[in-house]
Amino acid sequence: MSDLQHRLCALIAESARLMHALRLARSLELAEWCIGAGAIRNLVWDRPDTPAIHPASDIDLVYFQPNPAPHRHEDALLAQLRRLDDSVPWEVTNQATVHLWRRNDNQIEAPLTSLLDGIASWPETATAVGATLLPDDTLRILAPFGLDDLFAGRLRRNAARVSPATFAERLAQKGFRERWPHVNVIP
């Protein structure tokens, strides 16, 4: 495990909110899953000396299960998570069905092949990070682009999946520059 992976695992372990969500997600007993995206990025980029003026981000549970009935499985998992704790703002996505989405910014045409392949399709390199809580309570980090951008505070688009126009829209919509003025945006 790299130094940055150790640092990220320590940050996650110190976050009661994220550890609670990881334990709930693990209880679903999915074969391939993680919590990632904004929940991980925000944990690293939010400064401890800055007042929490932003609402807590949703918790993205992503998993990979080929050939399910689209959305029915996600909806069932979401309902199960809400029964366990309805205070957690869950988002649940099966990466095996992302190619079926019909959105203008979706450039994924062929089915993804794994959870890691799904994470590698996320819009920004620093956001393409996930964590799984293993049965022995250790954390596994999934970061197809590494963790350098995340810890260096670099926001860079995933050029394989996101157009410059979509990246600009995300910058404006998500308020990255306002929330994290210390982050270096790389167009």
Protein backbone atom coordinates (compact mmCIF):
# COMPACT_ATOMS: atom_id res chain seq x y z
CA MET A 1 0.00 0.00 0.00
CA SER A 2 1.37 3.43 -0.96
CA ASP A 3 1.85 6.33 1.45
CA LEU A 4 -1.11 8.14 -0.10
CA GLN A 5 -3.29 5.06 0.30
CA HIS A 6 -2.28 4.89 3.96
CA ARG A 7 -3.13 8.59 4.38
CA LEU A 8 -6.52 8.11 2.75
CA CYS A 9 -7.29 5.04 4.85
CA ALA A 10 -6.44 7.03 8.00
CA LEU A 11 -8.75 9.90 6.97
CA ILE A 12 -11.57 7.47 6.22
CA ALA A 13 -11.06 5.60 9.51
CA GLU A 14 -11.31 8.94 11.38
CA SER A 15 -14.62 9.81 9.69
CA ALA A 16 -17.49 8.40 11.74
CA ARG A 17 -19.94 9.30 8.96
CA LEU A 18 -18.01 7.50 6.24
CA MET A 19 -17.20 4.45 8.38
CA HIS A 20 -20.88 4.14 9.29
CA ALA A 21 -21.82 4.23 5.61
CA LEU A 22 -19.12 1.68 4.74
CA ARG A 23 -20.41 -0.72 7.40
CA LEU A 24 -23.97 -0.38 6.11
CA ALA A 25 -22.85 -0.92 2.52
CA ARG A 26 -20.80 -3.96 3.52
CA SER A 27 -23.88 -5.49 5.15
CA LEU A 28 -25.45 -5.79 1.67
CA GLU A 29 -22.87 -8.48 0.89
CA LEU A 30 -22.30 -7.35 -2.68
CA ALA A 31 -19.47 -9.06 -4.51
CA GLU A 32 -17.85 -5.92 -5.93
CA TRP A 33 -18.64 -2.53 -4.39
CA CYS A 34 -17.24 0.68 -2.95
CA ILE A 35 -18.22 4.09 -1.68
CA GLY A 36 -16.57 6.80 -3.70
CA ALA A 37 -16.66 9.98 -5.70
CA GLY A 38 -17.61 13.12 -3.76
CA ALA A 39 -17.70 11.42 -0.37
CA ILE A 40 -13.98 10.63 -0.68
CA ARG A 41 -12.95 13.83 -2.49
CA ASN A 42 -14.75 16.04 0.02
CA LEU A 43 -13.15 14.21 2.93
CA VAL A 44 -9.70 15.10 1.58
CA TRP A 45 -10.42 18.61 0.23
CA ASP A 46 -12.56 20.04 3.00
CA ARG A 47 -10.24 21.86 5.36
CA PRO A 48 -10.66 21.11 9.07
CA ASP A 49 -10.19 24.80 9.94
CA THR A 50 -13.01 25.89 7.62
CA PRO A 51 -16.58 26.03 8.95
CA ALA A 52 -18.86 23.41 7.42
CA ILE A 53 -20.98 25.73 5.29
CA HIS A 54 -21.69 23.13 2.65
CA PRO A 55 -24.24 20.39 3.15
CA ALA A 56 -22.88 16.90 3.50
CA SER A 57 -22.54 15.29 0.11
CA ASP A 58 -24.45 12.23 -0.85
CA ILE A 59 -22.87 8.84 -0.31
CA ASP A 60 -22.29 7.13 -3.64
CA LEU A 61 -22.45 3.36 -3.31
CA VAL A 62 -21.35 1.85 -6.58
CA TYR A 63 -21.17 -1.81 -7.38
CA PHE A 64 -20.72 -4.09 -10.33
CA GLN A 65 -23.24 -6.80 -11.08
CA PRO A 66 -23.61 -7.88 -14.70
CA ASN A 67 -27.02 -8.64 -16.19
CA PRO A 68 -29.40 -7.33 -13.52
CA ALA A 69 -32.75 -5.82 -14.38
CA PRO A 70 -31.77 -2.16 -14.85
CA HIS A 71 -32.71 0.07 -11.93
CA ARG A 72 -34.78 -2.60 -10.15
CA HIS A 73 -31.72 -3.96 -8.37
CA GLU A 74 -30.44 -0.46 -7.58
CA ASP A 75 -33.86 0.52 -6.23
CA ALA A 76 -34.02 -2.59 -4.02
CA LEU A 77 -30.55 -1.88 -2.61
CA LEU A 78 -31.43 1.76 -2.01
CA ALA A 79 -34.59 0.72 -0.15
CA GLN A 80 -32.60 -1.72 1.96
CA LEU A 81 -30.02 0.95 2.84
CA ARG A 82 -32.75 3.42 3.75
CA ARG A 83 -34.31 0.82 6.05
CA LEU A 84 -30.95 0.47 7.77
CA ASP A 85 -30.47 4.24 8.12
CA ASP A 86 -32.66 6.73 6.33
CA SER A 87 -30.52 9.68 7.45
CA VAL A 88 -27.75 8.79 4.99
CA PRO A 89 -28.21 10.50 1.60
CA TRP A 90 -27.53 7.43 -0.55
CA GLU A 91 -27.00 7.22 -4.29
CA VAL A 92 -26.74 3.67 -5.62
CA THR A 93 -25.40 2.83 -9.07
CA ASN A 94 -24.58 -0.44 -10.76
CA GLN A 95 -21.57 0.29 -12.97
CA ALA A 96 -22.58 -2.63 -15.22
CA THR A 97 -25.56 -0.59 -16.46
CA VAL A 98 -23.96 2.83 -17.00
CA HIS A 99 -23.74 2.29 -20.76
CA LEU A 100 -27.56 2.17 -20.84
CA TRP A 101 -27.92 5.73 -19.55
CA ARG A 102 -29.34 8.16 -22.03
CA ARG A 103 -27.68 11.45 -21.12
CA ASN A 104 -25.93 13.93 -23.37
CA ASP A 105 -22.66 13.69 -21.45
CA ASN A 106 -22.57 9.89 -21.37
CA GLN A 107 -19.77 8.79 -23.65
CA ILE A 108 -19.85 5.17 -22.49
CA GLU A 109 -21.16 3.05 -25.31
CA ALA A 110 -19.90 -0.44 -24.49
CA PRO A 111 -20.68 -2.17 -21.21
CA LEU A 112 -18.09 -1.63 -18.51
CA THR A 113 -16.24 -4.76 -17.45
CA SER A 114 -15.60 -4.27 -13.73
CA LEU A 115 -15.99 -1.95 -10.79
CA LEU A 116 -12.54 -0.50 -11.45
CA ASP A 117 -13.50 0.09 -15.09
CA GLY A 118 -16.56 1.95 -13.83
CA ILE A 119 -14.55 4.15 -11.47
CA ALA A 120 -12.15 4.90 -14.33
CA SER A 121 -15.14 6.33 -16.23
CA TRP A 122 -15.91 9.00 -13.62
CA PRO A 123 -15.64 12.65 -14.71
CA GLU A 124 -12.57 13.84 -12.76
CA THR A 125 -9.38 12.01 -11.85
CA ALA A 126 -9.41 13.23 -8.24
CA THR A 127 -12.99 12.06 -7.84
CA ALA A 128 -12.37 8.63 -9.40
CA VAL A 129 -11.58 7.05 -6.04
CA GLY A 130 -13.48 4.47 -4.04
CA ALA A 131 -13.11 2.65 -0.74
CA THR A 132 -14.37 -0.77 0.28
CA LEU A 133 -14.56 -2.01 3.86
CA LEU A 134 -13.41 -5.62 3.82
CA PRO A 135 -14.77 -8.29 6.20
CA ASP A 136 -11.69 -7.93 8.45
CA ASP A 137 -12.37 -4.16 8.76
CA THR A 138 -9.43 -3.14 6.58
CA LEU A 139 -9.98 -0.67 3.77
CA ARG A 140 -9.26 -1.32 0.12
CA ILE A 141 -8.72 1.76 -2.03
CA LEU A 142 -9.65 1.75 -5.72
CA ALA A 143 -8.02 4.60 -7.64
CA PRO A 144 -7.44 3.91 -11.34
CA PHE A 145 -5.71 7.31 -11.79
CA GLY A 146 -3.85 7.11 -8.50
CA LEU A 147 -4.23 9.49 -5.58
CA ASP A 148 -1.78 12.23 -6.58
CA ASP A 149 -4.44 14.60 -7.96
CA LEU A 150 -6.68 14.05 -4.95
CA PHE A 151 -3.99 14.86 -2.39
CA ALA A 152 -2.34 17.60 -4.46
CA GLY A 153 -5.69 19.36 -4.86
CA ARG A 154 -5.81 19.10 -8.64
CA LEU A 155 -9.14 18.94 -10.42
CA ARG A 156 -8.56 17.50 -13.88
CA ARG A 157 -11.14 16.12 -16.26
CA ASN A 158 -11.07 12.49 -17.28
CA ALA A 159 -10.29 13.16 -20.93
CA ALA A 160 -11.38 9.68 -21.96
CA ARG A 161 -14.92 10.28 -20.73
CA VAL A 162 -15.69 13.98 -20.32
CA SER A 163 -15.61 16.70 -22.94
CA PRO A 164 -14.16 20.14 -22.11
CA ALA A 165 -17.69 21.60 -22.36
CA THR A 166 -19.12 19.07 -19.88
CA PHE A 167 -16.18 19.67 -17.55
CA ALA A 168 -16.86 23.43 -17.65
CA GLU A 169 -20.54 22.76 -16.89
CA ARG A 170 -19.59 20.56 -13.93
CA LEU A 171 -17.24 23.25 -12.60
CA ALA A 172 -20.06 25.76 -12.60
CA GLN A 173 -22.77 23.40 -11.37
CA LYS A 174 -20.77 21.84 -8.54
CA GLY A 175 -19.15 25.09 -7.37
CA PHE A 176 -15.69 23.52 -7.15
CA ARG A 177 -13.81 26.85 -7.28
CA GLU A 178 -16.03 28.46 -4.66
CA ARG A 179 -15.96 25.56 -2.25
CA TRP A 180 -12.28 24.77 -2.65
CA PRO A 181 -10.37 27.90 -3.70
CA HIS A 182 -7.12 26.10 -2.86
CA VAL A 183 -7.76 23.51 -5.59
CA ASN A 184 -5.94 23.86 -8.90
CA VAL A 185 -8.36 23.38 -11.81
CA ILE A 186 -6.65 21.92 -14.86
CA PRO A 187 -8.85 22.29 -17.99
